[in-house]
Structure formats: C-alpha cells, structure tokens
Amino acid sequence: MIDARVVQALLAAMLASAMLLAPGCGERKEKQPEAPPVAVEYGDLPSHVGRRVVVTAWLLGHGEALRTPGDPDDYYFLLVPDPEVDWKAFFADYDALERLITEIGSGDPASRADAKYAVAFSKLQTALQAWRGLILGQEARGDVTTWGRFNQNVIEGDFSAIPDGPLVLVTPTRGELLESATRLLRDFEAIERSAEVEATGTLVRTGDAPSGENAERLPSALSNKPFLLHVESFKILRTARDMLEDKPLVDTEAAPLAEPGGERQDGGQ
C-alpha cells in the first residue's frame, strides 16, 4: 500500500501545479462597464475630447451637410447651439407660398398667370434665398465648432440635389408658375425640418489621424470645424414648427445609431 504521507505529498504537488497553470489557461476577463456619458454645455465640448458626452444643439435644414456611403450611410450635420432664426417670420413666408400654390393651381394650367402671382412668387423666391443665407451664416459662426456623425438622415436632407438659383419667369403660364412654386416649396420644407436634438456620443478632433487598421479617414470637408461627435443615440427635443408655440420639450425615445469607431447597432427612427 502507498504510504499516506506519499499520497498527501502527491496531492499537494498536483494542487500547486494547477495553481501555477491557471493564469495561462486563457480565462476571459469580464469586460469593464463603459463609462456613462457626461452631460455638457455646447461651449464646454473642447474640454471633453475623447469622452462620451450628451449635448443639445440644432440641426438646420438646407444648410451645410454631407453623406458618405456605407452600410448604412453616414450623415454629417453641423451641431448649432441656439440658432438666431425668427421662425415665426419664416413660417409666415412658408404659409404665403402654400396659399400662392393653391391659388395658382385653381385655374387652367395653360392660361397665362396673372402678374400678381408672378410678383408674389418672385418675392418668396428672394425670401428663400435670404433664409438659406441666414442658415449658412448661423452654421459659419465662430461658436459653432462641432459636426455630428449620424447613420440616419435625421432631418431628411437631399444630398443629391444642387440648390436652385433664382428663376426669372417672363409671362409664365399657370402651369409653369405652379411647377416653379412647388419646387420652391421643397426648399422651404427642407428648412422646416430643422430640429433640436439631444445627442449622445464620443467626441473627437476632426484633425486627428484615424486609429486602428480598419479606421476610415474622415471626409476632408469636416476640417472647417475642429470637433466631431460620433453619435450613438439621439432624441429630437423640438422641431422648427414647435417654435411657433410655447411647448415643453418633446421627450422622445433615444434612437440608437452607429457605435463610436464604426461598429453599428441595429435600430433607428
């Protein structure tokens, strides 16, 4: 029979060997929980580069934006804090154009349009150019520092269209004027879709080189602003039309978007 002391020695040796091998057995470590995002004021963004943040800003329709192909595509909108837009005046022009379209469309399309309709259209066309100039001016402000990268076309921008210049119509028919006025309305609708959002994501500098083997280089057009927020979720707080009334913020559910670094989640609006 084996001496009991020998058995105990063998067991002790086996236990010690197992303890030595344990660290090299490829045991998976628990993933550390991701740090919660920090709510910040827009003006404080520069001090939070590399961190997950929550910030509130506006996306202005018919402004500067771009789309890059992917699965899904990426959409870049400027995040604008407190835009100075007289929304009541804007919607006064918007409503006037809708009334004009209704009046023009009530007659024979082949007949000549009354001069008053052509004059009204010309004034509203000039107004649209002024509104778009205002939008671009708001985005060009020095305190507008940050792009937002979304994987949804949040405000339904038309990235394939080239903005029309002013049209000069000489004695148009009702049909010709109706077509031009309807096209003009689409430009007004693009501005109407402006919205204030609360966005959550990781803030980076647009001038930083991409990290990782599969990291994509940022579009060069983003270099006009120093920061980019890789938006992972957002919620719309209010739209341009909401600004006509004193309404509480709309607390919609957050929409999941692209994970920072390009890995995506399912979901959307």
C-alpha atoms as a PDB file:
ATOM      1  CA  MET A   1       0.000   0.000   0.000  1.00  0.00           C
ATOM      2  CA  ILE A   2       1.046   3.554  -0.681  1.00  0.00           C
ATOM      3  CA  ASP A   3       2.086   5.430   2.408  1.00  0.00           C
ATOM      4  CA  ALA A   4      -0.458   8.143   3.365  1.00  0.00           C
ATOM      5  CA  ARG A   5       2.319  10.696   3.554  1.00  0.00           C
ATOM      6  CA  VAL A   6       3.247   9.977  -0.085  1.00  0.00           C
ATOM      7  CA  VAL A   7      -0.390  10.441  -1.183  1.00  0.00           C
ATOM      8  CA  GLN A   8      -0.616  13.779   0.625  1.00  0.00           C
ATOM      9  CA  ALA A   9       2.637  14.927  -0.988  1.00  0.00           C
ATOM     10  CA  LEU A  10       1.365  13.975  -4.457  1.00  0.00           C
ATOM     11  CA  LEU A  11      -1.929  15.793  -3.940  1.00  0.00           C
ATOM     12  CA  ALA A  12      -0.113  18.907  -2.708  1.00  0.00           C
ATOM     13  CA  ALA A  13       2.150  18.861  -5.784  1.00  0.00           C
ATOM     14  CA  MET A  14      -0.817  18.497  -8.151  1.00  0.00           C
ATOM     15  CA  LEU A  15      -2.663  21.394  -6.479  1.00  0.00           C
ATOM     16  CA  ALA A  16       0.385  23.636  -6.697  1.00  0.00           C
ATOM     17  CA  SER A  17       0.839  22.765 -10.380  1.00  0.00           C
ATOM     18  CA  ALA A  18      -2.797  23.606 -11.129  1.00  0.00           C
ATOM     19  CA  MET A  19      -2.433  26.968  -9.407  1.00  0.00           C
ATOM     20  CA  LEU A  20       0.662  27.765 -11.466  1.00  0.00           C
ATOM     21  CA  LEU A  21      -1.078  26.875 -14.735  1.00  0.00           C
ATOM     22  CA  ALA A  22      -4.292  28.793 -14.013  1.00  0.00           C
ATOM     23  CA  PRO A  23      -3.121  32.259 -15.150  1.00  0.00           C
ATOM     24  CA  GLY A  24      -2.090  30.928 -18.567  1.00  0.00           C
ATOM     25  CA  CYS A  25      -5.256  28.996 -19.327  1.00  0.00           C
ATOM     26  CA  GLY A  26      -6.816  31.789 -21.431  1.00  0.00           C
ATOM     27  CA  GLU A  27      -9.540  32.613 -18.939  1.00  0.00           C
ATOM     28  CA  ARG A  28     -11.691  35.512 -20.278  1.00  0.00           C
ATOM     29  CA  LYS A  29     -11.765  38.621 -18.202  1.00  0.00           C
ATOM     30  CA  GLU A  30     -15.025  40.374 -17.572  1.00  0.00           C
ATOM     31  CA  LYS A  31     -15.438  43.415 -19.823  1.00  0.00           C
ATOM     32  CA  GLN A  32     -15.277  46.592 -17.825  1.00  0.00           C
ATOM     33  CA  PRO A  33     -18.553  48.565 -17.997  1.00  0.00           C
ATOM     34  CA  GLU A  34     -18.378  51.581 -20.308  1.00  0.00           C
ATOM     35  CA  ALA A  35     -18.214  54.903 -18.523  1.00  0.00           C
ATOM     36  CA  PRO A  36     -21.567  56.722 -18.618  1.00  0.00           C
ATOM     37  CA  PRO A  37     -21.734  59.808 -20.857  1.00  0.00           C
ATOM     38  CA  VAL A  38     -21.305  63.214 -19.268  1.00  0.00           C
ATOM     39  CA  ALA A  39     -23.927  65.918 -19.892  1.00  0.00           C
ATOM     40  CA  VAL A  40     -22.109  69.052 -21.065  1.00  0.00           C
ATOM     41  CA  GLU A  41     -22.920  72.507 -22.336  1.00  0.00           C
ATOM     42  CA  TYR A  42     -22.082  73.001 -26.002  1.00  0.00           C
ATOM     43  CA  GLY A  43     -19.437  75.615 -25.225  1.00  0.00           C
ATOM     44  CA  ASP A  44     -17.631  73.159 -22.914  1.00  0.00           C
ATOM     45  CA  LEU A  45     -17.141  70.495 -25.597  1.00  0.00           C
ATOM     46  CA  PRO A  46     -13.446  71.345 -26.240  1.00  0.00           C
ATOM     47  CA  SER A  47     -12.547  70.146 -22.739  1.00  0.00           C
ATOM     48  CA  HIS A  48     -14.161  66.732 -23.284  1.00  0.00           C
ATOM     49  CA  VAL A  49     -12.301  65.377 -26.317  1.00  0.00           C
ATOM     50  CA  GLY A  50     -12.080  61.573 -26.198  1.00  0.00           C
ATOM     51  CA  ARG A  51     -15.017  61.239 -23.811  1.00  0.00           C
ATOM     52  CA  ARG A  52     -18.634  60.176 -24.177  1.00  0.00           C
ATOM     53  CA  VAL A  53     -20.879  63.189 -23.806  1.00  0.00           C
ATOM     54  CA  VAL A  54     -24.510  64.274 -24.057  1.00  0.00           C
ATOM     55  CA  VAL A  55     -25.055  67.657 -25.702  1.00  0.00           C
ATOM     56  CA  THR A  56     -28.022  69.639 -27.034  1.00  0.00           C
ATOM     57  CA  ALA A  57     -27.890  71.509 -30.353  1.00  0.00           C
ATOM     58  CA  TRP A  58     -29.834  72.195 -33.549  1.00  0.00           C
ATOM     59  CA  LEU A  59     -29.542  70.557 -36.965  1.00  0.00           C
ATOM     60  CA  LEU A  60     -30.506  73.227 -39.514  1.00  0.00           C
ATOM     61  CA  GLY A  61     -32.161  72.108 -42.735  1.00  0.00           C
ATOM     62  CA  HIS A  62     -30.905  73.321 -46.131  1.00  0.00           C
ATOM     63  CA  GLY A  63     -27.546  74.093 -44.555  1.00  0.00           C
ATOM     64  CA  GLU A  64     -24.114  72.526 -44.881  1.00  0.00           C
ATOM     65  CA  ALA A  65     -24.180  68.718 -44.657  1.00  0.00           C
ATOM     66  CA  LEU A  66     -22.740  65.669 -46.380  1.00  0.00           C
ATOM     67  CA  ARG A  67     -23.263  61.949 -46.798  1.00  0.00           C
ATOM     68  CA  THR A  68     -20.677  59.196 -47.195  1.00  0.00           C
ATOM     69  CA  PRO A  69     -21.567  55.691 -48.438  1.00  0.00           C
ATOM     70  CA  GLY A  70     -21.559  52.757 -46.048  1.00  0.00           C
ATOM     71  CA  ASP A  71     -23.784  50.104 -44.539  1.00  0.00           C
ATOM     72  CA  PRO A  72     -25.686  52.165 -43.599  1.00  0.00           C
ATOM     73  CA  ASP A  73     -24.529  55.528 -44.978  1.00  0.00           C
ATOM     74  CA  ASP A  74     -23.068  58.143 -42.649  1.00  0.00           C
ATOM     75  CA  TYR A  75     -24.700  61.570 -42.483  1.00  0.00           C
ATOM     76  CA  TYR A  76     -22.853  64.610 -41.187  1.00  0.00           C
ATOM     77  CA  PHE A  77     -24.731  67.649 -39.890  1.00  0.00           C
ATOM     78  CA  LEU A  78     -23.384  70.693 -38.098  1.00  0.00           C
ATOM     79  CA  LEU A  79     -24.467  70.971 -34.467  1.00  0.00           C
ATOM     80  CA  VAL A  80     -25.568  74.578 -33.925  1.00  0.00           C
ATOM     81  CA  PRO A  81     -26.195  75.983 -30.423  1.00  0.00           C
ATOM     82  CA  ASP A  82     -29.088  78.437 -30.072  1.00  0.00           C
ATOM     83  CA  PRO A  83     -29.551  79.475 -33.732  1.00  0.00           C
ATOM     84  CA  GLU A  84     -30.825  83.003 -34.226  1.00  0.00           C
ATOM     85  CA  VAL A  85     -33.720  82.313 -36.584  1.00  0.00           C
ATOM     86  CA  ASP A  86     -37.065  84.127 -36.495  1.00  0.00           C
ATOM     87  CA  TRP A  87     -39.184  81.048 -37.027  1.00  0.00           C
ATOM     88  CA  LYS A  88     -42.461  82.990 -36.984  1.00  0.00           C
ATOM     89  CA  ALA A  89     -41.273  85.135 -39.881  1.00  0.00           C
ATOM     90  CA  PHE A  90     -40.035  82.062 -41.715  1.00  0.00           C
ATOM     91  CA  PHE A  91     -43.370  80.278 -41.407  1.00  0.00           C
ATOM     92  CA  ALA A  92     -45.208  83.425 -42.498  1.00  0.00           C
ATOM     93  CA  ASP A  93     -43.339  83.139 -45.826  1.00  0.00           C
ATOM     94  CA  TYR A  94     -43.899  79.374 -45.873  1.00  0.00           C
ATOM     95  CA  ASP A  95     -47.659  79.772 -45.431  1.00  0.00           C
ATOM     96  CA  ALA A  96     -47.789  82.540 -48.055  1.00  0.00           C
ATOM     97  CA  LEU A  97     -46.159  80.203 -50.568  1.00  0.00           C
ATOM     98  CA  GLU A  98     -48.657  77.439 -49.807  1.00  0.00           C
ATOM     99  CA  ARG A  99     -51.534  79.889 -50.378  1.00  0.00           C
ATOM    100  CA  LEU A 100     -49.960  81.018 -53.649  1.00  0.00           C
ATOM    101  CA  ILE A 101     -49.689  77.418 -54.868  1.00  0.00           C
ATOM    102  CA  THR A 102     -53.361  76.831 -54.033  1.00  0.00           C
ATOM    103  CA  GLU A 103     -54.464  79.948 -55.937  1.00  0.00           C
ATOM    104  CA  ILE A 104     -52.305  79.238 -58.996  1.00  0.00           C
ATOM    105  CA  GLY A 105     -53.464  75.630 -59.111  1.00  0.00           C
ATOM    106  CA  SER A 106     -57.148  76.614 -59.138  1.00  0.00           C
ATOM    107  CA  GLY A 107     -57.035  77.859 -62.770  1.00  0.00           C
ATOM    108  CA  ASP A 108     -56.275  76.493 -66.231  1.00  0.00           C
ATOM    109  CA  PRO A 109     -52.603  75.397 -66.338  1.00  0.00           C
ATOM    110  CA  ALA A 110     -52.267  76.546 -69.961  1.00  0.00           C
ATOM    111  CA  SER A 111     -53.507  80.084 -69.307  1.00  0.00           C
ATOM    112  CA  ARG A 112     -51.205  82.984 -68.576  1.00  0.00           C
ATOM    113  CA  ALA A 113     -50.619  83.556 -64.874  1.00  0.00           C
ATOM    114  CA  ASP A 114     -51.739  86.920 -63.504  1.00  0.00           C
ATOM    115  CA  ALA A 115     -48.886  89.347 -62.939  1.00  0.00           C
ATOM    116  CA  LYS A 116     -49.687  89.465 -59.228  1.00  0.00           C
ATOM    117  CA  TYR A 117     -48.866  85.768 -58.955  1.00  0.00           C
ATOM    118  CA  ALA A 118     -45.529  86.180 -60.714  1.00  0.00           C
ATOM    119  CA  VAL A 119     -44.656  89.103 -58.445  1.00  0.00           C
ATOM    120  CA  ALA A 120     -45.602  87.140 -55.321  1.00  0.00           C
ATOM    121  CA  PHE A 121     -43.510  84.184 -56.477  1.00  0.00           C
ATOM    122  CA  SER A 122     -40.512  86.430 -57.123  1.00  0.00           C
ATOM    123  CA  LYS A 123     -40.733  87.922 -53.633  1.00  0.00           C
ATOM    124  CA  LEU A 124     -40.970  84.496 -51.993  1.00  0.00           C
ATOM    125  CA  GLN A 125     -38.058  83.222 -54.069  1.00  0.00           C
ATOM    126  CA  THR A 126     -35.967  86.151 -52.841  1.00  0.00           C
ATOM    127  CA  ALA A 127     -37.120  85.394 -49.283  1.00  0.00           C
ATOM    128  CA  LEU A 128     -35.970  81.770 -49.610  1.00  0.00           C
ATOM    129  CA  GLN A 129     -32.503  82.865 -50.728  1.00  0.00           C
ATOM    130  CA  ALA A 130     -32.340  85.134 -47.681  1.00  0.00           C
ATOM    131  CA  TRP A 131     -33.437  82.344 -45.336  1.00  0.00           C
ATOM    132  CA  ARG A 132     -30.857  79.938 -46.729  1.00  0.00           C
ATOM    133  CA  GLY A 133     -28.201  82.635 -46.404  1.00  0.00           C
ATOM    134  CA  LEU A 134     -29.222  83.050 -42.771  1.00  0.00           C
ATOM    135  CA  ILE A 135     -28.956  79.289 -42.150  1.00  0.00           C
ATOM    136  CA  LEU A 136     -25.467  79.145 -43.681  1.00  0.00           C
ATOM    137  CA  GLY A 137     -24.473  82.224 -41.685  1.00  0.00           C
ATOM    138  CA  GLN A 138     -25.574  80.581 -38.437  1.00  0.00           C
ATOM    139  CA  GLU A 139     -23.522  77.493 -39.238  1.00  0.00           C
ATOM    140  CA  ALA A 140     -20.474  79.642 -40.041  1.00  0.00           C
ATOM    141  CA  ARG A 141     -20.471  81.320 -36.611  1.00  0.00           C
ATOM    142  CA  GLY A 142     -17.283  81.028 -34.618  1.00  0.00           C
ATOM    143  CA  ASP A 143     -19.036  79.318 -31.709  1.00  0.00           C
ATOM    144  CA  VAL A 144     -20.255  76.511 -33.984  1.00  0.00           C
ATOM    145  CA  THR A 145     -17.398  74.057 -33.508  1.00  0.00           C
ATOM    146  CA  THR A 146     -18.767  70.550 -33.946  1.00  0.00           C
ATOM    147  CA  TRP A 147     -20.061  68.197 -36.613  1.00  0.00           C
ATOM    148  CA  GLY A 148     -22.328  65.293 -35.705  1.00  0.00           C
ATOM    149  CA  ARG A 149     -21.953  61.943 -37.467  1.00  0.00           C
ATOM    150  CA  PHE A 150     -25.251  60.041 -37.685  1.00  0.00           C
ATOM    151  CA  ASN A 151     -26.139  56.857 -39.548  1.00  0.00           C
ATOM    152  CA  GLN A 152     -29.625  58.196 -40.223  1.00  0.00           C
ATOM    153  CA  ASN A 153     -30.709  61.120 -42.365  1.00  0.00           C
ATOM    154  CA  VAL A 154     -32.157  62.789 -39.281  1.00  0.00           C
ATOM    155  CA  ILE A 155     -33.743  65.813 -40.984  1.00  0.00           C
ATOM    156  CA  GLU A 156     -34.244  64.243 -44.419  1.00  0.00           C
ATOM    157  CA  GLY A 157     -31.619  66.263 -46.238  1.00  0.00           C
ATOM    158  CA  ASP A 158     -31.489  65.913 -50.028  1.00  0.00           C
ATOM    159  CA  PHE A 159     -27.808  65.218 -50.628  1.00  0.00           C
ATOM    160  CA  SER A 160     -28.169  64.589 -54.356  1.00  0.00           C
ATOM    161  CA  ALA A 161     -29.762  67.926 -55.187  1.00  0.00           C
ATOM    162  CA  ILE A 162     -27.939  71.095 -56.181  1.00  0.00           C
ATOM    163  CA  PRO A 163     -29.708  74.150 -54.703  1.00  0.00           C
ATOM    164  CA  ASP A 164     -31.549  76.064 -57.406  1.00  0.00           C
ATOM    165  CA  GLY A 165     -30.631  79.633 -58.141  1.00  0.00           C
ATOM    166  CA  PRO A 166     -33.295  82.311 -58.598  1.00  0.00           C
ATOM    167  CA  LEU A 167     -35.587  81.811 -61.605  1.00  0.00           C
ATOM    168  CA  VAL A 168     -36.654  84.678 -63.827  1.00  0.00           C
ATOM    169  CA  LEU A 169     -40.087  83.919 -65.254  1.00  0.00           C
ATOM    170  CA  VAL A 170     -41.392  86.125 -68.083  1.00  0.00           C
ATOM    171  CA  THR A 171     -45.142  85.888 -68.614  1.00  0.00           C
ATOM    172  CA  PRO A 172     -45.350  82.280 -67.379  1.00  0.00           C
ATOM    173  CA  THR A 173     -48.398  80.103 -67.695  1.00  0.00           C
ATOM    174  CA  ARG A 174     -50.160  78.980 -64.555  1.00  0.00           C
ATOM    175  CA  GLY A 175     -48.688  75.522 -65.079  1.00  0.00           C
ATOM    176  CA  GLU A 176     -45.116  76.851 -65.370  1.00  0.00           C
ATOM    177  CA  LEU A 177     -45.521  79.058 -62.327  1.00  0.00           C
ATOM    178  CA  LEU A 178     -47.090  76.222 -60.347  1.00  0.00           C
ATOM    179  CA  GLU A 179     -44.155  73.944 -61.155  1.00  0.00           C
ATOM    180  CA  SER A 180     -41.633  76.584 -60.053  1.00  0.00           C
ATOM    181  CA  ALA A 181     -43.576  77.416 -56.876  1.00  0.00           C
ATOM    182  CA  THR A 182     -43.839  73.726 -55.957  1.00  0.00           C
ATOM    183  CA  ARG A 183     -40.078  73.345 -56.397  1.00  0.00           C
ATOM    184  CA  LEU A 184     -39.568  76.414 -54.208  1.00  0.00           C
ATOM    185  CA  LEU A 185     -41.787  74.862 -51.531  1.00  0.00           C
ATOM    186  CA  ARG A 186     -39.430  71.874 -51.315  1.00  0.00           C
ATOM    187  CA  ASP A 187     -36.637  74.262 -50.325  1.00  0.00           C
ATOM    188  CA  PHE A 188     -38.846  75.798 -47.644  1.00  0.00           C
ATOM    189  CA  GLU A 189     -39.716  72.300 -46.424  1.00  0.00           C
ATOM    190  CA  ALA A 190     -36.011  71.480 -46.083  1.00  0.00           C
ATOM    191  CA  ILE A 191     -35.604  74.377 -43.633  1.00  0.00           C
ATOM    192  CA  GLU A 192     -38.863  73.451 -41.896  1.00  0.00           C
ATOM    193  CA  ARG A 193     -37.342  70.076 -40.952  1.00  0.00           C
ATOM    194  CA  SER A 194     -34.733  71.760 -38.744  1.00  0.00           C
ATOM    195  CA  ALA A 195     -34.743  70.182 -35.288  1.00  0.00           C
ATOM    196  CA  GLU A 196     -33.166  70.488 -31.873  1.00  0.00           C
ATOM    197  CA  VAL A 197     -31.637  67.209 -30.717  1.00  0.00           C
ATOM    198  CA  GLU A 198     -30.048  65.785 -27.618  1.00  0.00           C
ATOM    199  CA  ALA A 199     -27.163  63.686 -28.906  1.00  0.00           C
ATOM    200  CA  THR A 200     -25.028  61.124 -27.092  1.00  0.00           C
ATOM    201  CA  GLY A 201     -21.670  60.049 -28.473  1.00  0.00           C
ATOM    202  CA  THR A 202     -17.888  60.208 -28.369  1.00  0.00           C
ATOM    203  CA  LEU A 203     -16.171  63.497 -29.162  1.00  0.00           C
ATOM    204  CA  VAL A 204     -13.002  63.559 -31.280  1.00  0.00           C
ATOM    205  CA  ARG A 205     -10.946  66.152 -33.124  1.00  0.00           C
ATOM    206  CA  THR A 206     -11.522  66.295 -36.872  1.00  0.00           C
ATOM    207  CA  GLY A 207      -7.772  66.790 -37.403  1.00  0.00           C
ATOM    208  CA  ASP A 208      -6.727  63.620 -35.574  1.00  0.00           C
ATOM    209  CA  ALA A 209      -5.394  60.752 -37.671  1.00  0.00           C
ATOM    210  CA  PRO A 210      -7.673  57.670 -37.700  1.00  0.00           C
ATOM    211  CA  SER A 211      -6.625  54.919 -35.294  1.00  0.00           C
ATOM    212  CA  GLY A 212      -6.758  51.164 -35.954  1.00  0.00           C
ATOM    213  CA  GLU A 213      -6.185  49.153 -39.097  1.00  0.00           C
ATOM    214  CA  ASN A 214      -9.742  49.471 -40.392  1.00  0.00           C
ATOM    215  CA  ALA A 215     -10.370  53.056 -39.321  1.00  0.00           C
ATOM    216  CA  GLU A 216     -11.738  55.222 -42.105  1.00  0.00           C
ATOM    217  CA  ARG A 217     -10.303  58.638 -42.802  1.00  0.00           C
ATOM    218  CA  LEU A 218     -12.771  61.443 -42.156  1.00  0.00           C
ATOM    219  CA  PRO A 219     -14.098  63.469 -45.110  1.00  0.00           C
ATOM    220  CA  SER A 220     -11.867  66.487 -45.707  1.00  0.00           C
ATOM    221  CA  ALA A 221     -14.922  68.776 -45.716  1.00  0.00           C
ATOM    222  CA  LEU A 222     -15.193  68.307 -41.944  1.00  0.00           C
ATOM    223  CA  SER A 223     -11.924  70.169 -41.393  1.00  0.00           C
ATOM    224  CA  ASN A 224     -13.748  73.522 -41.323  1.00  0.00           C
ATOM    225  CA  LYS A 225     -14.742  72.722 -37.711  1.00  0.00           C
ATOM    226  CA  PRO A 226     -12.381  71.361 -35.029  1.00  0.00           C
ATOM    227  CA  PHE A 227     -14.598  68.663 -33.465  1.00  0.00           C
ATOM    228  CA  LEU A 228     -16.765  65.710 -34.456  1.00  0.00           C
ATOM    229  CA  LEU A 229     -19.308  63.866 -32.314  1.00  0.00           C
ATOM    230  CA  HIS A 230     -19.709  60.188 -33.271  1.00  0.00           C
ATOM    231  CA  VAL A 231     -23.393  59.948 -32.352  1.00  0.00           C
ATOM    232  CA  GLU A 232     -24.506  56.624 -30.895  1.00  0.00           C
ATOM    233  CA  SER A 233     -28.039  57.734 -29.946  1.00  0.00           C
ATOM    234  CA  PHE A 234     -30.179  60.845 -30.062  1.00  0.00           C
ATOM    235  CA  LYS A 235     -33.648  62.148 -29.379  1.00  0.00           C
ATOM    236  CA  ILE A 236     -35.477  65.025 -31.031  1.00  0.00           C
ATOM    237  CA  LEU A 237     -36.465  67.645 -28.488  1.00  0.00           C
ATOM    238  CA  ARG A 238     -38.404  70.000 -30.764  1.00  0.00           C
ATOM    239  CA  THR A 239     -38.725  70.991 -34.398  1.00  0.00           C
ATOM    240  CA  ALA A 240     -38.754  74.366 -36.120  1.00  0.00           C
ATOM    241  CA  ARG A 241     -42.550  74.340 -36.220  1.00  0.00           C
ATOM    242  CA  ASP A 242     -42.679  73.667 -32.477  1.00  0.00           C
ATOM    243  CA  MET A 243     -41.026  77.063 -32.044  1.00  0.00           C
ATOM    244  CA  LEU A 244     -44.295  78.741 -33.058  1.00  0.00           C
ATOM    245  CA  GLU A 245     -45.807  77.699 -29.725  1.00  0.00           C
ATOM    246  CA  ASP A 246     -44.654  77.696 -26.140  1.00  0.00           C
ATOM    247  CA  LYS A 247     -44.445  73.941 -25.770  1.00  0.00           C
ATOM    248  CA  PRO A 248     -42.466  71.708 -23.413  1.00  0.00           C
ATOM    249  CA  LEU A 249     -39.597  69.767 -24.921  1.00  0.00           C
ATOM    250  CA  VAL A 250     -40.662  66.586 -26.663  1.00  0.00           C
ATOM    251  CA  ASP A 251     -39.086  63.690 -24.758  1.00  0.00           C
ATOM    252  CA  THR A 252     -38.936  61.043 -27.493  1.00  0.00           C
ATOM    253  CA  GLU A 253     -37.080  57.780 -27.048  1.00  0.00           C
ATOM    254  CA  ALA A 254     -33.417  57.807 -27.938  1.00  0.00           C
ATOM    255  CA  ALA A 255     -32.638  56.368 -31.370  1.00  0.00           C
ATOM    256  CA  PRO A 256     -29.580  54.041 -31.438  1.00  0.00           C
ATOM    257  CA  LEU A 257     -27.068  54.837 -34.149  1.00  0.00           C
ATOM    258  CA  ALA A 258     -23.505  53.947 -35.058  1.00  0.00           C
ATOM    259  CA  GLU A 259     -21.182  52.784 -32.320  1.00  0.00           C
ATOM    260  CA  PRO A 260     -18.112  55.051 -31.997  1.00  0.00           C
ATOM    261  CA  GLY A 261     -15.379  53.672 -34.218  1.00  0.00           C
ATOM    262  CA  GLY A 262     -17.704  52.392 -36.923  1.00  0.00           C
ATOM    263  CA  GLU A 263     -19.335  49.275 -35.347  1.00  0.00           C
ATOM    264  CA  ARG A 264     -23.066  49.701 -35.541  1.00  0.00           C
ATOM    265  CA  GLN A 265     -26.152  48.854 -33.581  1.00  0.00           C
ATOM    266  CA  ASP A 266     -29.474  47.876 -35.044  1.00  0.00           C
ATOM    267  CA  GLY A 267     -32.289  50.347 -34.727  1.00  0.00           C
ATOM    268  CA  GLY A 268     -33.405  53.761 -35.903  1.00  0.00           C
ATOM    269  CA  GLN A 269     -36.236  56.184 -36.133  1.00  0.00           C
END
